[in-house]
Amino acid sequence: NVDGNGSGSLNYSLTGKIKPSSTYRVRAMIKTING
């Protein structure tokens, strides 16, 4: 993790999956290392 710039990003497209003025719930299992 250099100068706060990070070393990776996993992106998931929400194109066609979300609508205006709508509510969504997200849940995932996460394990983080060193912060």
All heavy atoms as atom14 arrays in JSON, in Angstrom:
{
  "sequence": "NVDGNGSGSLNYSLTGKIKPSSTYRVRAMIKTING",
  "atom14_mask": [
    [1, 1, 1, 1, 1, 1, 1, 1, 0, 0, 0, 0, 0, 0],
    [1, 1, 1, 1, 1, 1, 1, 0, 0, 0, 0, 0, 0, 0],
    [1, 1, 1, 1, 1, 1, 1, 1, 0, 0, 0, 0, 0, 0],
    [1, 1, 1, 1, 0, 0, 0, 0, 0, 0, 0, 0, 0, 0],
    [1, 1, 1, 1, 1, 1, 1, 1, 0, 0, 0, 0, 0, 0],
    [1, 1, 1, 1, 0, 0, 0, 0, 0, 0, 0, 0, 0, 0],
    [1, 1, 1, 1, 1, 1, 0, 0, 0, 0, 0, 0, 0, 0],
    [1, 1, 1, 1, 0, 0, 0, 0, 0, 0, 0, 0, 0, 0],
    [1, 1, 1, 1, 1, 1, 0, 0, 0, 0, 0, 0, 0, 0],
    [1, 1, 1, 1, 1, 1, 1, 1, 0, 0, 0, 0, 0, 0],
    [1, 1, 1, 1, 1, 1, 1, 1, 0, 0, 0, 0, 0, 0],
    [1, 1, 1, 1, 1, 1, 1, 1, 1, 1, 1, 1, 0, 0],
    [1, 1, 1, 1, 1, 1, 0, 0, 0, 0, 0, 0, 0, 0],
    [1, 1, 1, 1, 1, 1, 1, 1, 0, 0, 0, 0, 0, 0],
    [1, 1, 1, 1, 1, 1, 1, 0, 0, 0, 0, 0, 0, 0],
    [1, 1, 1, 1, 0, 0, 0, 0, 0, 0, 0, 0, 0, 0],
    [1, 1, 1, 1, 1, 1, 1, 1, 1, 0, 0, 0, 0, 0],
    [1, 1, 1, 1, 1, 1, 1, 1, 0, 0, 0, 0, 0, 0],
    [1, 1, 1, 1, 1, 1, 1, 1, 1, 0, 0, 0, 0, 0],
    [1, 1, 1, 1, 1, 1, 1, 0, 0, 0, 0, 0, 0, 0],
    [1, 1, 1, 1, 1, 1, 0, 0, 0, 0, 0, 0, 0, 0],
    [1, 1, 1, 1, 1, 1, 0, 0, 0, 0, 0, 0, 0, 0],
    [1, 1, 1, 1, 1, 1, 1, 0, 0, 0, 0, 0, 0, 0],
    [1, 1, 1, 1, 1, 1, 1, 1, 1, 1, 1, 1, 0, 0],
    [1, 1, 1, 1, 1, 1, 1, 1, 1, 1, 1, 0, 0, 0],
    [1, 1, 1, 1, 1, 1, 1, 0, 0, 0, 0, 0, 0, 0],
    [1, 1, 1, 1, 1, 1, 1, 1, 1, 1, 1, 0, 0, 0],
    [1, 1, 1, 1, 1, 0, 0, 0, 0, 0, 0, 0, 0, 0],
    [1, 1, 1, 1, 1, 1, 1, 1, 0, 0, 0, 0, 0, 0],
    [1, 1, 1, 1, 1, 1, 1, 1, 0, 0, 0, 0, 0, 0],
    [1, 1, 1, 1, 1, 1, 1, 1, 1, 0, 0, 0, 0, 0],
    [1, 1, 1, 1, 1, 1, 1, 0, 0, 0, 0, 0, 0, 0],
    [1, 1, 1, 1, 1, 1, 1, 1, 0, 0, 0, 0, 0, 0],
    [1, 1, 1, 1, 1, 1, 1, 1, 0, 0, 0, 0, 0, 0],
    [1, 1, 1, 1, 0, 0, 0, 0, 0, 0, 0, 0, 0, 0]
  ],
  "atom14_positions": [
    [[0.87, -1.17, 0.0], [0.0, 0.0, 0.0], [0.91, 1.23, 0.0], [1.51, 1.56, 1.02], [-0.91, 0.01, 1.23], [-1.99, 1.08, 1.13], [-1.69, 2.24, 0.93], [-3.22, 0.68, 1.29], [0.0, 0.0, 0.0], [0.0, 0.0, 0.0], [0.0, 0.0, 0.0], [0.0, 0.0, 0.0], [0.0, 0.0, 0.0], [0.0, 0.0, 0.0]],
    [[1.07, 1.84, -1.15], [2.06, 2.9, -1.32], [1.35, 4.26, -1.36], [0.5, 4.5, -2.23], [2.87, 2.68, -2.62], [3.9, 3.79, -2.78], [3.54, 1.32, -2.59], [0.0, 0.0, 0.0], [0.0, 0.0, 0.0], [0.0, 0.0, 0.0], [0.0, 0.0, 0.0], [0.0, 0.0, 0.0], [0.0, 0.0, 0.0], [0.0, 0.0, 0.0]],
    [[1.7, 5.14, -0.4], [1.18, 6.52, -0.39], [-0.34, 6.57, -0.42], [-0.94, 7.49, -1.0], [1.75, 7.32, -1.57], [3.27, 7.47, -1.48], [3.77, 7.51, -0.34], [3.92, 7.53, -2.53], [0.0, 0.0, 0.0], [0.0, 0.0, 0.0], [0.0, 0.0, 0.0], [0.0, 0.0, 0.0], [0.0, 0.0, 0.0], [0.0, 0.0, 0.0]],
    [[-0.99, 5.57, 0.16], [-2.45, 5.57, 0.2], [-3.11, 5.29, -1.12], [-4.33, 5.4, -1.25], [0.0, 0.0, 0.0], [0.0, 0.0, 0.0], [0.0, 0.0, 0.0], [0.0, 0.0, 0.0], [0.0, 0.0, 0.0], [0.0, 0.0, 0.0], [0.0, 0.0, 0.0], [0.0, 0.0, 0.0], [0.0, 0.0, 0.0], [0.0, 0.0, 0.0]],
    [[-2.35, 4.91, -2.15], [-2.93, 4.67, -3.47], [-3.47, 3.27, -3.64], [-4.11, 2.98, -4.64], [-1.89, 4.96, -4.56], [-1.58, 6.44, -4.65], [-2.44, 7.27, -4.4], [-0.34, 6.76, -4.96], [0.0, 0.0, 0.0], [0.0, 0.0, 0.0], [0.0, 0.0, 0.0], [0.0, 0.0, 0.0], [0.0, 0.0, 0.0], [0.0, 0.0, 0.0]],
    [[-3.18, 2.39, -2.72], [-3.71, 1.04, -2.82], [-3.0, 0.21, -3.85], [-2.09, 0.66, -4.55], [0.0, 0.0, 0.0], [0.0, 0.0, 0.0], [0.0, 0.0, 0.0], [0.0, 0.0, 0.0], [0.0, 0.0, 0.0], [0.0, 0.0, 0.0], [0.0, 0.0, 0.0], [0.0, 0.0, 0.0], [0.0, 0.0, 0.0], [0.0, 0.0, 0.0]],
    [[-3.4, -1.04, -3.94], [-2.74, -1.95, -4.87], [-3.71, -2.84, -5.62], [-3.32, -3.83, -6.21], [-1.74, -2.83, -4.11], [-2.4, -3.55, -3.09], [0.0, 0.0, 0.0], [0.0, 0.0, 0.0], [0.0, 0.0, 0.0], [0.0, 0.0, 0.0], [0.0, 0.0, 0.0], [0.0, 0.0, 0.0], [0.0, 0.0, 0.0], [0.0, 0.0, 0.0]],
    [[-4.98, -2.48, -5.62], [-5.93, -3.28, -6.38], [-7.36, -2.86, -6.12], [-7.69, -2.35, -5.04], [0.0, 0.0, 0.0], [0.0, 0.0, 0.0], [0.0, 0.0, 0.0], [0.0, 0.0, 0.0], [0.0, 0.0, 0.0], [0.0, 0.0, 0.0], [0.0, 0.0, 0.0], [0.0, 0.0, 0.0], [0.0, 0.0, 0.0], [0.0, 0.0, 0.0]],
    [[-8.21, -3.08, -7.11], [-9.64, -2.81, -6.97], [-10.41, -3.84, -7.77], [-10.13, -4.07, -8.95], [-9.99, -1.41, -7.47], [-11.38, -1.14, -7.3], [0.0, 0.0, 0.0], [0.0, 0.0, 0.0], [0.0, 0.0, 0.0], [0.0, 0.0, 0.0], [0.0, 0.0, 0.0], [0.0, 0.0, 0.0], [0.0, 0.0, 0.0], [0.0, 0.0, 0.0]],
    [[-11.36, -4.49, -7.12], [-12.26, -5.44, -7.78], [-13.56, -4.72, -8.05], [-14.26, -4.31, -7.13], [-12.5, -6.65, -6.88], [-13.37, -7.76, -7.46], [-12.66, -8.47, -8.6], [-13.75, -8.78, -6.37], [0.0, 0.0, 0.0], [0.0, 0.0, 0.0], [0.0, 0.0, 0.0], [0.0, 0.0, 0.0], [0.0, 0.0, 0.0], [0.0, 0.0, 0.0]],
    [[-13.89, -4.54, -9.33], [-15.06, -3.76, -9.73], [-16.15, -4.66, -10.29], [-15.87, -5.61, -11.02], [-14.69, -2.73, -10.79], [-13.71, -1.69, -10.27], [-13.39, -1.66, -9.09], [-13.23, -0.83, -11.15], [0.0, 0.0, 0.0], [0.0, 0.0, 0.0], [0.0, 0.0, 0.0], [0.0, 0.0, 0.0], [0.0, 0.0, 0.0], [0.0, 0.0, 0.0]],
    [[-17.4, -4.32, -9.96], [-18.56, -5.05, -10.48], [-19.51, -4.04, -11.11], [-20.0, -3.13, -10.44], [-19.26, -5.83, -9.37], [-20.41, -6.68, -9.88], [-20.16, -7.85, -10.59], [-21.73, -6.3, -9.67], [-21.2, -8.63, -11.06], [-22.78, -7.07, -10.14], [-22.51, -8.23, -10.84], [-23.54, -9.0, -11.32], [0.0, 0.0, 0.0], [0.0, 0.0, 0.0]],
    [[-19.79, -4.21, -12.39], [-20.64, -3.26, -13.1], [-22.07, -3.34, -12.61], [-22.65, -4.42, -12.49], [-20.59, -3.54, -14.6], [-21.53, -2.71, -15.29], [0.0, 0.0, 0.0], [0.0, 0.0, 0.0], [0.0, 0.0, 0.0], [0.0, 0.0, 0.0], [0.0, 0.0, 0.0], [0.0, 0.0, 0.0], [0.0, 0.0, 0.0], [0.0, 0.0, 0.0]],
    [[-22.66, -2.17, -12.35], [-24.06, -2.08, -11.97], [-24.93, -1.56, -13.12], [-26.11, -1.26, -12.91], [-24.22, -1.17, -10.75], [-23.5, -1.64, -9.47], [-23.73, -0.64, -8.35], [-23.97, -3.03, -9.06], [0.0, 0.0, 0.0], [0.0, 0.0, 0.0], [0.0, 0.0, 0.0], [0.0, 0.0, 0.0], [0.0, 0.0, 0.0], [0.0, 0.0, 0.0]],
    [[-24.35, -1.47, -14.31], [-25.11, -1.02, -15.47], [-26.26, -1.98, -15.73], [-26.06, -3.2, -15.85], [-24.21, -0.95, -16.72], [-23.13, -0.04, -16.46], [-25.0, -0.47, -17.92], [0.0, 0.0, 0.0], [0.0, 0.0, 0.0], [0.0, 0.0, 0.0], [0.0, 0.0, 0.0], [0.0, 0.0, 0.0], [0.0, 0.0, 0.0], [0.0, 0.0, 0.0]],
    [[-27.47, -1.45, -15.81], [-28.65, -2.28, -16.04], [-29.13, -3.0, -14.8], [-30.13, -3.74, -14.87], [0.0, 0.0, 0.0], [0.0, 0.0, 0.0], [0.0, 0.0, 0.0], [0.0, 0.0, 0.0], [0.0, 0.0, 0.0], [0.0, 0.0, 0.0], [0.0, 0.0, 0.0], [0.0, 0.0, 0.0], [0.0, 0.0, 0.0], [0.0, 0.0, 0.0]],
    [[-28.46, -2.81, -13.66], [-28.85, -3.52, -12.44], [-29.48, -2.6, -11.4], [-30.16, -3.07, -10.49], [-27.63, -4.23, -11.84], [-27.06, -5.33, -12.74], [-25.87, -6.02, -12.08], [-25.29, -7.1, -13.0], [-26.24, -8.21, -13.22], [0.0, 0.0, 0.0], [0.0, 0.0, 0.0], [0.0, 0.0, 0.0], [0.0, 0.0, 0.0], [0.0, 0.0, 0.0]],
    [[-29.22, -1.3, -11.48], [-29.81, -0.38, -10.52], [-30.73, 0.59, -11.23], [-30.56, 0.88, -12.41], [-28.75, 0.38, -9.7], [-27.85, 1.22, -10.63], [-27.92, -0.58, -8.87], [-26.88, 2.11, -9.86], [0.0, 0.0, 0.0], [0.0, 0.0, 0.0], [0.0, 0.0, 0.0], [0.0, 0.0, 0.0], [0.0, 0.0, 0.0], [0.0, 0.0, 0.0]],
    [[-31.7, 1.12, -10.48], [-32.7, 2.04, -11.02], [-32.65, 3.34, -10.23], [-32.16, 3.37, -9.1], [-34.09, 1.41, -10.92], [-34.24, 0.11, -11.69], [-35.63, -0.48, -11.56], [-35.93, -0.91, -10.14], [-37.2, -1.67, -10.02], [0.0, 0.0, 0.0], [0.0, 0.0, 0.0], [0.0, 0.0, 0.0], [0.0, 0.0, 0.0], [0.0, 0.0, 0.0]],
    [[-33.18, 4.41, -10.79], [-33.19, 5.68, -10.06], [-34.04, 5.59, -8.8], [-35.04, 4.87, -8.74], [-33.81, 6.66, -11.07], [-33.64, 6.02, -12.4], [-33.71, 4.55, -12.16], [0.0, 0.0, 0.0], [0.0, 0.0, 0.0], [0.0, 0.0, 0.0], [0.0, 0.0, 0.0], [0.0, 0.0, 0.0], [0.0, 0.0, 0.0], [0.0, 0.0, 0.0]],
    [[-33.62, 6.32, -7.77], [-34.38, 6.49, -6.52], [-34.85, 5.16, -5.96], [-36.0, 5.0, -5.56], [-35.58, 7.42, -6.76], [-35.15, 8.67, -7.29], [0.0, 0.0, 0.0], [0.0, 0.0, 0.0], [0.0, 0.0, 0.0], [0.0, 0.0, 0.0], [0.0, 0.0, 0.0], [0.0, 0.0, 0.0], [0.0, 0.0, 0.0], [0.0, 0.0, 0.0]],
    [[-33.95, 4.2, -5.92], [-34.26, 2.86, -5.42], [-33.24, 2.47, -4.35], [-32.1, 2.94, -4.35], [-34.24, 1.83, -6.56], [-35.2, 2.15, -7.55], [0.0, 0.0, 0.0], [0.0, 0.0, 0.0], [0.0, 0.0, 0.0], [0.0, 0.0, 0.0], [0.0, 0.0, 0.0], [0.0, 0.0, 0.0], [0.0, 0.0, 0.0], [0.0, 0.0, 0.0]],
    [[-33.66, 1.59, -3.46], [-32.82, 1.19, -2.34], [-32.32, -0.24, -2.54], [-33.07, -1.12, -2.98], [-33.6, 1.29, -1.02], [-34.04, 2.63, -0.85], [-32.74, 0.9, 0.17], [0.0, 0.0, 0.0], [0.0, 0.0, 0.0], [0.0, 0.0, 0.0], [0.0, 0.0, 0.0], [0.0, 0.0, 0.0], [0.0, 0.0, 0.0], [0.0, 0.0, 0.0]],
    [[-31.04, -0.45, -2.2], [-30.4, -1.75, -2.38], [-29.67, -2.14, -1.09], [-29.12, -1.29, -0.38], [-29.42, -1.71, -3.55], [-30.12, -1.41, -4.86], [-30.33, -0.09, -5.25], [-30.62, -2.43, -5.66], [-30.99, 0.2, -6.43], [-31.28, -2.14, -6.85], [-31.47, -0.83, -7.21], [-32.14, -0.54, -8.38], [0.0, 0.0, 0.0], [0.0, 0.0, 0.0]],
    [[-29.68, -3.43, -0.82], [-28.93, -3.95, 0.32], [-27.78, -4.8, -0.2], [-27.97, -5.64, -1.09], [-29.82, -4.78, 1.24], [-29.07, -5.31, 2.48], [-29.98, -6.13, 3.37], [-29.24, -6.66, 4.52], [-29.75, -7.51, 5.4], [-31.0, -7.92, 5.28], [-29.01, -7.96, 6.41], [0.0, 0.0, 0.0], [0.0, 0.0, 0.0], [0.0, 0.0, 0.0]],
    [[-26.6, -4.59, 0.36], [-25.39, -5.32, -0.03], [-24.86, -6.05, 1.21], [-24.79, -5.46, 2.3], [-24.31, -4.37, -0.58], [-23.02, -5.14, -0.88], [-24.82, -3.67, -1.84], [0.0, 0.0, 0.0], [0.0, 0.0, 0.0], [0.0, 0.0, 0.0], [0.0, 0.0, 0.0], [0.0, 0.0, 0.0], [0.0, 0.0, 0.0], [0.0, 0.0, 0.0]],
    [[-24.51, -7.31, 1.03], [-23.84, -8.05, 2.1], [-22.75, -8.91, 1.48], [-22.94, -9.53, 0.44], [-24.81, -8.94, 2.88], [-24.13, -9.63, 4.08], [-25.1, -10.47, 4.87], [-25.47, -11.68, 4.16], [-26.17, -12.69, 4.7], [-26.59, -12.6, 5.95], [-26.48, -13.75, 3.99], [0.0, 0.0, 0.0], [0.0, 0.0, 0.0], [0.0, 0.0, 0.0]],
    [[-21.59, -8.94, 2.12], [-20.48, -9.78, 1.66], [-19.65, -10.17, 2.86], [-19.59, -9.46, 3.88], [-19.61, -9.03, 0.65], [0.0, 0.0, 0.0], [0.0, 0.0, 0.0], [0.0, 0.0, 0.0], [0.0, 0.0, 0.0], [0.0, 0.0, 0.0], [0.0, 0.0, 0.0], [0.0, 0.0, 0.0], [0.0, 0.0, 0.0], [0.0, 0.0, 0.0]],
    [[-18.98, -11.33, 2.75], [-18.02, -11.74, 3.76], [-16.65, -11.22, 3.34], [-16.22, -11.43, 2.19], [-18.01, -13.26, 3.9], [-19.3, -13.85, 4.44], [-19.81, -13.19, 6.06], [-18.4, -13.64, 7.08], [0.0, 0.0, 0.0], [0.0, 0.0, 0.0], [0.0, 0.0, 0.0], [0.0, 0.0, 0.0], [0.0, 0.0, 0.0], [0.0, 0.0, 0.0]],
    [[-15.98, -10.54, 4.26], [-14.71, -9.87, 3.96], [-13.67, -10.3, 4.99], [-13.97, -10.44, 6.18], [-14.87, -8.34, 4.02], [-16.03, -7.86, 3.1], [-13.57, -7.66, 3.66], [-15.72, -7.96, 1.64], [0.0, 0.0, 0.0], [0.0, 0.0, 0.0], [0.0, 0.0, 0.0], [0.0, 0.0, 0.0], [0.0, 0.0, 0.0], [0.0, 0.0, 0.0]],
    [[-12.44, -10.47, 4.54], [-11.29, -10.62, 5.44], [-10.21, -9.65, 4.99], [-9.77, -9.69, 3.84], [-10.75, -12.05, 5.41], [-9.58, -12.24, 6.38], [-9.19, -13.71, 6.53], [-8.33, -14.2, 5.42], [-7.73, -15.52, 5.72], [0.0, 0.0, 0.0], [0.0, 0.0, 0.0], [0.0, 0.0, 0.0], [0.0, 0.0, 0.0], [0.0, 0.0, 0.0]],
    [[-9.8, -8.74, 5.87], [-8.78, -7.75, 5.52], [-7.49, -8.02, 6.29], [-7.51, -8.51, 7.41], [-9.24, -6.31, 5.81], [-9.35, -6.12, 7.24], [-10.59, -6.04, 5.17], [0.0, 0.0, 0.0], [0.0, 0.0, 0.0], [0.0, 0.0, 0.0], [0.0, 0.0, 0.0], [0.0, 0.0, 0.0], [0.0, 0.0, 0.0], [0.0, 0.0, 0.0]],
    [[-6.37, -7.68, 5.66], [-5.05, -7.89, 6.22], [-4.36, -6.54, 6.43], [-4.37, -5.69, 5.52], [-4.19, -8.78, 5.29], [-4.93, -10.07, 4.93], [-2.83, -9.1, 5.94], [-5.26, -10.96, 6.1], [0.0, 0.0, 0.0], [0.0, 0.0, 0.0], [0.0, 0.0, 0.0], [0.0, 0.0, 0.0], [0.0, 0.0, 0.0], [0.0, 0.0, 0.0]],
    [[-3.8, -6.33, 7.6], [-2.99, -5.14, 7.92], [-3.76, -3.83, 7.79], [-3.19, -2.81, 7.42], [-1.74, -5.08, 7.04], [-0.82, -6.26, 7.27], [-0.73, -6.76, 8.39], [-0.14, -6.71, 6.23], [0.0, 0.0, 0.0], [0.0, 0.0, 0.0], [0.0, 0.0, 0.0], [0.0, 0.0, 0.0], [0.0, 0.0, 0.0], [0.0, 0.0, 0.0]],
    [[-5.05, -3.85, 8.09], [-5.82, -2.61, 8.04], [-7.13, -2.78, 7.29], [-7.62, -3.89, 7.09], [0.0, 0.0, 0.0], [0.0, 0.0, 0.0], [0.0, 0.0, 0.0], [0.0, 0.0, 0.0], [0.0, 0.0, 0.0], [0.0, 0.0, 0.0], [0.0, 0.0, 0.0], [0.0, 0.0, 0.0], [0.0, 0.0, 0.0], [0.0, 0.0, 0.0]]
  ]
}
